[in-house]
Amino acid sequence: MEVEALVESDSPQVGLTLRVAERITKSNQDFVSKPGELVESEFETGSLSAAARKAFALMLRKAGGDAAEDRVFTITKKELRRSHKGNERIQAVMDELIRVIVRIKTTSSKGRPATLSQSLLSRCVEEVAEDGLSVVEFELSDALRTVLRGSDYYARVNLGVTLSLQSRYALTLYDLGCLVINRQNRTVKMSIEDLRRRLGVPDGSFKNYAEFRRDVLNKSKAEIDQLADFTVEWNEIRGSGRGNPVKEVMLNFIPKPNEDQEAAARELDRPRIGRKARRDGTVEQIVRTPLPRITQEPLFPSDSLHFCGDQKLLTIVSDHGGGWDKDIVAQGYRKFMGDKLQTLRGDRLYKSWEGYCKGYVRSHGRP
């Protein structure tokens, strides 16, 4: 279900981006509403690190629909630790968010196209203590609050995906995909230089297109295709000069089928260790002899769960199915598992069913 359908129209003082952010907060979804102006921005030199991008996404989520207000927001270090391993990097990340200048396309006071330049944060205070109650206080910059207040287009970004992506280039490309994936036209055309600036590739890095494609685009695509609910492809447009160099690319963001979205959601639940090997297909497969069927334990029902006598299966979908109709979730589970479902019984079946229910909610949200 689209968030837009839930947006109320009783807040004329802010744009759609913050109204969506407010609804996300109220419904406790693990998403963040990012202004399209910020997604399409460029940085003065290079780009924010992956750690800074993740931390800022968590801070935007914390600010929610109040992000345009001139006030101090508070986030615990425990909440920020979702974006990196320990507290030792928090100060460096906050300094980066204050120091790095972002350039956002906007309009001047005369209504003419203009570029707004400022950092994302104006100030931050980090408590010295490292206990579970220690916090970071932060204020969003004046310029960013102005953009947030008037923003009417946004990227609905899955925080689980954001915190799992490793490359800052993959994070930037993922945000762009989230911005356009619900549009009728999901294609973005850019020159190579514009794309380099948008992704924040430092001057002098990946100088030729072959390196850029191999080390930036291909690696970002691999991460996004594994974890997001869409894939990214591109067409290369060559110029007429010597050697017909690639001058432009057309990025195409393609929604995944339901079963692939569910597989991505399940991967987000798996340990990060081994993820690259799973992505590259280099995980060693252990072949086990099938266990003999235990006839006294029932299989997953082949008909409606409304007639199911296994109360544990019903409890699991009630607790973890996010309010979706149990038969809709069950239908997706049968399709996802296929023939493997005939070998599951007892605890293995219950664990598999619970994991699928959680993944379904992560992929589809709540009805």
Protein backbone atom coordinates (compact mmCIF):
# COMPACT_ATOMS: atom_id res chain seq x y z
CA MET A 1 0.00 0.00 0.00
CA GLU A 2 1.41 3.38 -0.97
CA VAL A 3 2.18 5.87 1.77
CA GLU A 4 0.63 8.65 -0.31
CA ALA A 5 -2.78 7.12 0.24
CA LEU A 6 -2.38 7.68 3.97
CA VAL A 7 -1.27 11.29 3.79
CA GLU A 8 -3.63 13.74 5.40
CA SER A 9 -4.12 17.19 3.92
CA ASP A 10 -4.40 19.14 7.17
CA SER A 11 -0.78 20.43 7.18
CA PRO A 12 -0.62 23.13 4.48
CA GLN A 13 2.48 24.69 6.01
CA VAL A 14 4.75 21.85 4.85
CA GLY A 15 5.11 19.92 1.60
CA LEU A 16 4.34 16.32 0.79
CA THR A 17 7.78 15.03 1.84
CA LEU A 18 7.29 15.95 5.50
CA ARG A 19 3.66 14.87 5.54
CA VAL A 20 4.78 11.44 4.37
CA ALA A 21 7.54 11.49 7.00
CA GLU A 22 4.92 12.14 9.68
CA ARG A 23 2.81 9.21 8.53
CA ILE A 24 5.87 6.93 8.49
CA THR A 25 6.59 7.90 12.11
CA LYS A 26 3.00 7.39 13.24
CA SER A 27 2.80 3.95 11.65
CA ASN A 28 6.30 3.05 12.96
CA GLN A 29 7.60 1.92 9.59
CA ASP A 30 11.33 1.37 9.09
CA PHE A 31 11.52 3.89 6.25
CA VAL A 32 12.63 7.48 5.81
CA SER A 33 11.12 10.14 3.54
CA LYS A 34 14.03 11.91 1.81
CA PRO A 35 13.39 15.11 -0.15
CA GLY A 36 13.99 14.62 -3.86
CA GLU A 37 16.02 17.82 -3.86
CA LEU A 38 18.53 16.18 -1.50
CA VAL A 39 18.61 12.91 -3.46
CA GLU A 40 19.47 14.87 -6.61
CA SER A 41 22.05 17.08 -4.91
CA GLU A 42 25.81 17.20 -5.45
CA PHE A 43 28.66 17.78 -3.02
CA GLU A 44 31.40 20.37 -3.10
CA THR A 45 34.18 17.77 -3.22
CA GLY A 46 33.62 14.06 -3.39
CA SER A 47 30.76 12.81 -1.28
CA LEU A 48 29.65 11.88 2.19
CA SER A 49 31.06 8.60 3.43
CA ALA A 50 28.78 5.59 3.67
CA ALA A 51 28.79 5.89 7.50
CA ALA A 52 27.72 9.54 7.34
CA ARG A 53 24.96 8.79 4.84
CA LYS A 54 23.57 6.03 7.04
CA ALA A 55 23.73 8.15 10.19
CA PHE A 56 22.00 11.05 8.47
CA ALA A 57 19.20 8.77 7.24
CA LEU A 58 18.63 7.69 10.85
CA MET A 59 18.63 11.33 11.99
CA LEU A 60 16.10 12.32 9.31
CA ARG A 61 13.91 9.40 10.38
CA LYS A 62 14.17 10.60 13.99
CA ALA A 63 13.19 14.16 13.08
CA GLY A 64 10.25 12.86 11.02
CA GLY A 65 7.55 15.34 10.13
CA ASP A 66 9.09 17.99 12.42
CA ALA A 67 12.36 18.20 10.45
CA ALA A 68 11.60 21.70 9.13
CA GLU A 69 11.22 23.14 12.62
CA ASP A 70 13.95 25.30 14.16
CA ARG A 71 14.68 23.02 17.10
CA VAL A 72 17.15 20.60 18.61
CA PHE A 73 16.53 16.91 17.97
CA THR A 74 17.85 14.10 20.15
CA ILE A 75 18.90 10.62 19.08
CA THR A 76 20.52 8.02 21.33
CA LYS A 77 23.91 6.57 20.52
CA LYS A 78 22.24 3.18 20.63
CA GLU A 79 19.98 4.24 17.76
CA LEU A 80 22.95 5.62 15.81
CA ARG A 81 24.89 2.41 16.31
CA ARG A 82 22.60 0.82 13.76
CA SER A 83 24.74 2.61 11.16
CA HIS A 84 28.19 1.49 12.39
CA LYS A 85 29.86 -0.83 14.86
CA GLY A 86 30.75 1.42 17.79
CA ASN A 87 30.55 4.84 19.37
CA GLU A 88 34.13 5.72 18.50
CA ARG A 89 33.13 6.93 15.02
CA ILE A 90 30.12 9.03 15.99
CA GLN A 91 32.09 12.25 16.49
CA ALA A 92 33.89 11.87 13.14
CA VAL A 93 30.57 11.27 11.36
CA MET A 94 28.93 14.30 13.01
CA ASP A 95 31.93 16.47 12.05
CA GLU A 96 31.58 15.28 8.47
CA LEU A 97 27.88 16.18 8.35
CA ILE A 98 28.72 19.69 9.60
CA ARG A 99 31.77 20.15 7.37
CA VAL A 100 30.77 18.78 3.94
CA ILE A 101 28.94 21.26 1.72
CA VAL A 102 25.94 20.00 -0.24
CA ARG A 103 24.67 21.78 -3.36
CA ILE A 104 20.92 21.58 -3.86
CA LYS A 105 18.97 22.83 -6.87
CA THR A 106 16.32 25.30 -5.77
CA THR A 107 14.85 28.69 -6.69
CA SER A 108 15.98 32.12 -5.58
CA SER A 109 13.82 34.69 -3.79
CA LYS A 110 13.01 36.02 -7.27
CA GLY A 111 11.71 32.62 -8.35
CA ARG A 112 14.64 31.88 -10.66
CA PRO A 113 16.61 28.58 -10.80
CA ALA A 114 19.44 28.66 -8.27
CA THR A 115 21.87 26.50 -6.32
CA LEU A 116 21.75 26.41 -2.53
CA SER A 117 25.00 25.54 -0.75
CA GLN A 118 25.25 24.58 2.92
CA SER A 119 26.07 21.69 5.23
CA LEU A 120 23.39 19.27 6.39
CA LEU A 121 23.82 19.98 10.12
CA SER A 122 24.38 23.35 11.76
CA ARG A 123 25.56 21.95 15.10
CA CYS A 124 25.68 18.81 17.19
CA VAL A 125 26.40 17.94 20.81
CA GLU A 126 27.56 14.42 21.71
CA GLU A 127 27.42 13.31 25.31
CA VAL A 128 30.73 11.91 26.51
CA ALA A 129 29.22 8.97 28.39
CA GLU A 130 29.09 5.65 26.55
CA ASP A 131 26.18 4.08 28.45
CA GLY A 132 22.87 3.11 26.89
CA LEU A 133 21.28 6.46 27.80
CA SER A 134 23.89 8.72 26.15
CA VAL A 135 22.57 10.88 23.31
CA VAL A 136 23.53 13.09 20.41
CA GLU A 137 21.73 16.41 20.07
CA PHE A 138 21.63 17.89 16.57
CA GLU A 139 20.17 20.75 14.57
CA LEU A 140 19.51 20.62 10.85
CA SER A 141 20.93 23.52 8.85
CA ASP A 142 18.73 26.49 7.93
CA ALA A 143 19.06 25.74 4.23
CA LEU A 144 18.08 22.09 4.61
CA ARG A 145 15.06 23.00 6.74
CA THR A 146 13.95 25.43 4.04
CA VAL A 147 14.22 22.69 1.41
CA LEU A 148 12.39 20.20 3.61
CA ARG A 149 9.54 22.60 4.32
CA GLY A 150 8.76 23.14 0.64
CA SER A 151 9.62 19.71 -0.77
CA ASP A 152 6.80 18.00 -2.64
CA TYR A 153 8.64 15.00 -4.09
CA TYR A 154 10.51 12.41 -2.12
CA ALA A 155 12.24 9.03 -2.02
CA ARG A 156 10.67 6.50 0.33
CA VAL A 157 13.86 4.77 1.46
CA ASN A 158 13.97 1.43 3.27
CA LEU A 159 16.27 1.88 6.27
CA GLY A 160 17.06 -1.82 6.37
CA VAL A 161 18.47 -1.66 2.85
CA THR A 162 20.29 1.62 3.52
CA LEU A 163 22.05 0.24 6.60
CA SER A 164 23.02 -2.96 4.76
CA LEU A 165 24.56 -1.37 1.65
CA GLN A 166 28.32 -0.99 1.99
CA SER A 167 29.34 1.39 -0.80
CA ARG A 168 28.55 5.12 -0.72
CA TYR A 169 28.00 4.87 -4.47
CA ALA A 170 25.45 2.07 -4.00
CA LEU A 171 23.70 4.17 -1.33
CA THR A 172 23.44 7.16 -3.68
CA LEU A 173 22.20 5.04 -6.58
CA TYR A 174 19.70 3.28 -4.30
CA ASP A 175 18.26 6.64 -3.15
CA LEU A 176 17.86 7.69 -6.78
CA GLY A 177 16.04 4.44 -7.53
CA CYS A 178 13.70 5.00 -4.57
CA LEU A 179 12.96 8.48 -5.95
CA VAL A 180 11.78 7.25 -9.37
CA ILE A 181 10.62 3.65 -8.81
CA ASN A 182 6.96 4.59 -8.31
CA ARG A 183 6.85 6.85 -11.36
CA GLN A 184 5.52 5.80 -14.74
CA ASN A 185 8.90 6.72 -16.24
CA ARG A 186 11.63 5.02 -14.21
CA THR A 187 14.47 6.04 -16.53
CA VAL A 188 17.07 8.69 -15.66
CA LYS A 189 19.38 9.97 -18.41
CA MET A 190 22.66 11.65 -17.46
CA SER A 191 26.01 12.47 -18.95
CA ILE A 192 28.94 10.54 -17.50
CA GLU A 193 30.25 13.70 -15.83
CA ASP A 194 26.87 14.47 -14.29
CA LEU A 195 26.58 10.90 -13.02
CA ARG A 196 30.08 11.04 -11.52
CA ARG A 197 29.18 14.26 -9.68
CA ARG A 198 25.84 12.88 -8.53
CA LEU A 199 27.48 9.75 -7.12
CA GLY A 200 30.23 11.84 -5.53
CA VAL A 201 33.17 10.21 -7.32
CA PRO A 202 36.29 12.25 -6.38
CA ASP A 203 38.14 14.04 -9.16
CA GLY A 204 40.92 11.84 -10.49
CA SER A 205 39.30 8.56 -9.46
CA PHE A 206 38.15 6.01 -12.05
CA LYS A 207 39.33 8.29 -14.84
CA ASN A 208 38.18 6.18 -17.77
CA TYR A 209 34.68 4.85 -18.23
CA ALA A 210 35.73 1.19 -18.15
CA GLU A 211 37.07 1.65 -14.60
CA PHE A 212 34.01 3.67 -13.59
CA ARG A 213 31.65 1.00 -14.91
CA ARG A 214 33.59 -1.86 -13.30
CA ASP A 215 34.33 -0.37 -9.88
CA VAL A 216 31.37 1.97 -9.36
CA LEU A 217 28.36 0.98 -11.46
CA ASN A 218 28.78 -2.80 -11.54
CA LYS A 219 29.59 -3.09 -7.83
CA SER A 220 26.72 -0.77 -6.86
CA LYS A 221 24.34 -2.74 -9.07
CA ALA A 222 25.38 -6.03 -7.43
CA GLU A 223 24.58 -4.70 -3.94
CA ILE A 224 21.29 -3.08 -4.96
CA ASP A 225 20.07 -6.07 -6.97
CA GLN A 226 20.66 -8.33 -3.97
CA LEU A 227 18.98 -6.21 -1.27
CA ALA A 228 16.50 -3.75 -2.78
CA ASP A 229 13.00 -4.36 -4.11
CA PHE A 230 14.13 -3.22 -7.55
CA THR A 231 17.07 -3.80 -9.86
CA VAL A 232 19.13 -1.28 -11.82
CA GLU A 233 20.24 -1.56 -15.44
CA TRP A 234 21.67 0.98 -17.86
CA ASN A 235 22.12 1.65 -21.56
CA GLU A 236 25.28 3.35 -22.76
CA ILE A 237 25.11 6.12 -25.34
CA ARG A 238 28.31 6.65 -27.26
CA GLY A 239 29.57 9.85 -28.84
CA SER A 240 30.93 10.34 -32.33
CA GLY A 241 34.51 11.19 -31.39
CA ARG A 242 37.60 9.04 -31.63
CA GLY A 243 36.91 5.57 -30.33
CA ASN A 244 33.22 6.39 -29.82
CA PRO A 245 33.56 7.01 -26.06
CA VAL A 246 30.53 6.58 -23.80
CA LYS A 247 29.06 10.05 -23.24
CA GLU A 248 25.76 9.32 -21.51
CA VAL A 249 23.93 6.54 -19.71
CA MET A 250 20.23 5.83 -19.30
CA LEU A 251 19.66 4.31 -15.87
CA ASN A 252 16.63 2.03 -15.66
CA PHE A 253 15.13 1.04 -12.30
CA ILE A 254 12.98 -2.06 -12.58
CA PRO A 255 10.60 -3.34 -9.85
CA LYS A 256 11.24 -6.95 -8.86
CA PRO A 257 8.53 -9.62 -9.02
CA ASN A 258 6.98 -10.40 -5.65
CA GLU A 259 9.02 -13.56 -5.11
CA ASP A 260 12.27 -11.69 -5.76
CA GLN A 261 11.25 -8.91 -3.38
CA GLU A 262 10.58 -11.54 -0.73
CA ALA A 263 13.98 -13.12 -1.36
CA ALA A 264 15.64 -9.71 -0.91
CA ALA A 265 13.75 -9.17 2.35
CA ARG A 266 14.92 -12.57 3.58
CA GLU A 267 18.51 -11.70 2.71
CA LEU A 268 18.24 -8.57 4.86
CA ASP A 269 17.39 -10.86 7.79
CA ARG A 270 20.46 -13.01 7.21
CA PRO A 271 23.89 -12.27 8.74
CA ARG A 272 26.05 -9.78 6.86
CA ILE A 273 28.91 -12.26 7.00
CA GLY A 274 28.80 -14.29 3.81
CA ARG A 275 26.53 -11.84 1.98
CA LYS A 276 29.07 -11.05 -0.73
CA ALA A 277 29.72 -14.75 -1.26
CA ARG A 278 25.99 -15.37 -1.58
CA ARG A 279 25.75 -12.46 -4.00
CA ASP A 280 28.64 -13.77 -6.10
CA GLY A 281 27.41 -17.34 -5.96
CA THR A 282 30.60 -18.60 -4.30
CA VAL A 283 28.98 -20.11 -1.19
CA GLU A 284 29.81 -23.80 -0.85
CA GLN A 285 26.68 -25.93 -0.90
CA ILE A 286 26.48 -28.74 1.67
CA VAL A 287 24.51 -31.66 0.31
CA ARG A 288 22.58 -33.46 2.99
CA THR A 289 20.71 -36.73 2.76
CA PRO A 290 16.99 -35.94 2.98
CA LEU A 291 15.51 -36.76 6.35
CA PRO A 292 12.87 -39.47 6.39
CA ARG A 293 9.34 -38.16 6.52
CA ILE A 294 7.84 -38.01 9.97
CA THR A 295 4.22 -38.81 9.36
CA GLN A 296 3.00 -37.81 12.80
CA GLU A 297 3.88 -34.12 12.19
CA PRO A 298 1.58 -32.30 9.73
CA LEU A 299 2.66 -30.52 6.56
CA PHE A 300 1.88 -26.88 5.81
CA PRO A 301 -1.83 -26.73 4.81
CA SER A 302 -2.55 -26.81 1.09
CA ASP A 303 -5.92 -25.10 1.51
CA SER A 304 -7.21 -22.09 3.45
CA LEU A 305 -5.60 -21.39 6.83
CA HIS A 306 -9.09 -20.60 8.10
CA PHE A 307 -9.54 -24.38 8.33
CA CYS A 308 -6.08 -25.02 9.75
CA GLY A 309 -5.92 -27.08 12.93
CA ASP A 310 -2.31 -26.14 13.72
CA GLN A 311 -2.71 -23.26 16.17
CA LYS A 312 1.02 -22.51 16.16
CA LEU A 313 0.97 -21.68 12.44
CA LEU A 314 -1.96 -19.33 13.04
CA THR A 315 -0.25 -17.68 16.02
CA ILE A 316 2.89 -17.04 13.99
CA VAL A 317 1.06 -15.28 11.15
CA SER A 318 -1.01 -13.34 13.69
CA ASP A 319 2.11 -12.14 15.56
CA HIS A 320 4.43 -11.56 12.62
CA GLY A 321 2.21 -11.14 9.54
CA GLY A 322 1.69 -7.41 9.99
CA GLY A 323 -2.11 -7.62 9.78
CA TRP A 324 -2.17 -9.12 6.28
CA ASP A 325 -4.85 -11.72 5.50
CA LYS A 326 -3.37 -15.08 6.52
CA ASP A 327 -4.35 -16.74 3.22
CA ILE A 328 -2.61 -14.04 1.15
CA VAL A 329 0.61 -14.59 3.12
CA ALA A 330 0.20 -18.37 2.91
CA GLN A 331 -0.29 -18.25 -0.86
CA GLY A 332 2.96 -16.32 -1.25
CA TYR A 333 4.75 -18.74 1.08
CA ARG A 334 3.67 -21.79 -0.91
CA LYS A 335 4.82 -20.18 -4.14
CA PHE A 336 8.14 -19.09 -2.62
CA MET A 337 8.96 -22.48 -1.10
CA GLY A 338 7.75 -24.70 -3.97
CA ASP A 339 8.60 -28.37 -3.62
CA LYS A 340 10.80 -27.70 -0.57
CA LEU A 341 7.65 -27.17 1.46
CA GLN A 342 6.95 -30.92 1.31
CA THR A 343 10.05 -31.63 3.40
CA LEU A 344 9.33 -29.19 6.26
CA ARG A 345 7.71 -30.26 9.49
CA GLY A 346 7.82 -29.36 13.15
CA ASP A 347 10.27 -26.69 14.31
CA ARG A 348 11.85 -26.34 10.86
CA LEU A 349 8.45 -25.51 9.39
CA TYR A 350 7.59 -23.04 12.16
CA LYS A 351 10.93 -21.21 11.86
CA SER A 352 10.63 -21.04 8.07
CA TRP A 353 7.02 -19.77 8.27
CA GLU A 354 7.94 -17.12 10.86
CA GLY A 355 10.89 -15.91 8.77
CA TYR A 356 8.70 -15.63 5.70
CA CYS A 357 5.98 -13.68 7.56
CA LYS A 358 8.56 -11.16 8.81
CA GLY A 359 10.07 -10.86 5.33
CA TYR A 360 6.63 -10.36 3.79
CA VAL A 361 5.90 -7.39 6.07
CA ARG A 362 9.36 -5.93 5.39
CA SER A 363 8.75 -6.20 1.65
CA HIS A 364 5.09 -5.15 1.49
CA GLY A 365 4.69 -2.90 4.53
CA ARG A 366 1.44 -3.08 6.46
CA PRO A 367 -2.06 -3.08 4.92
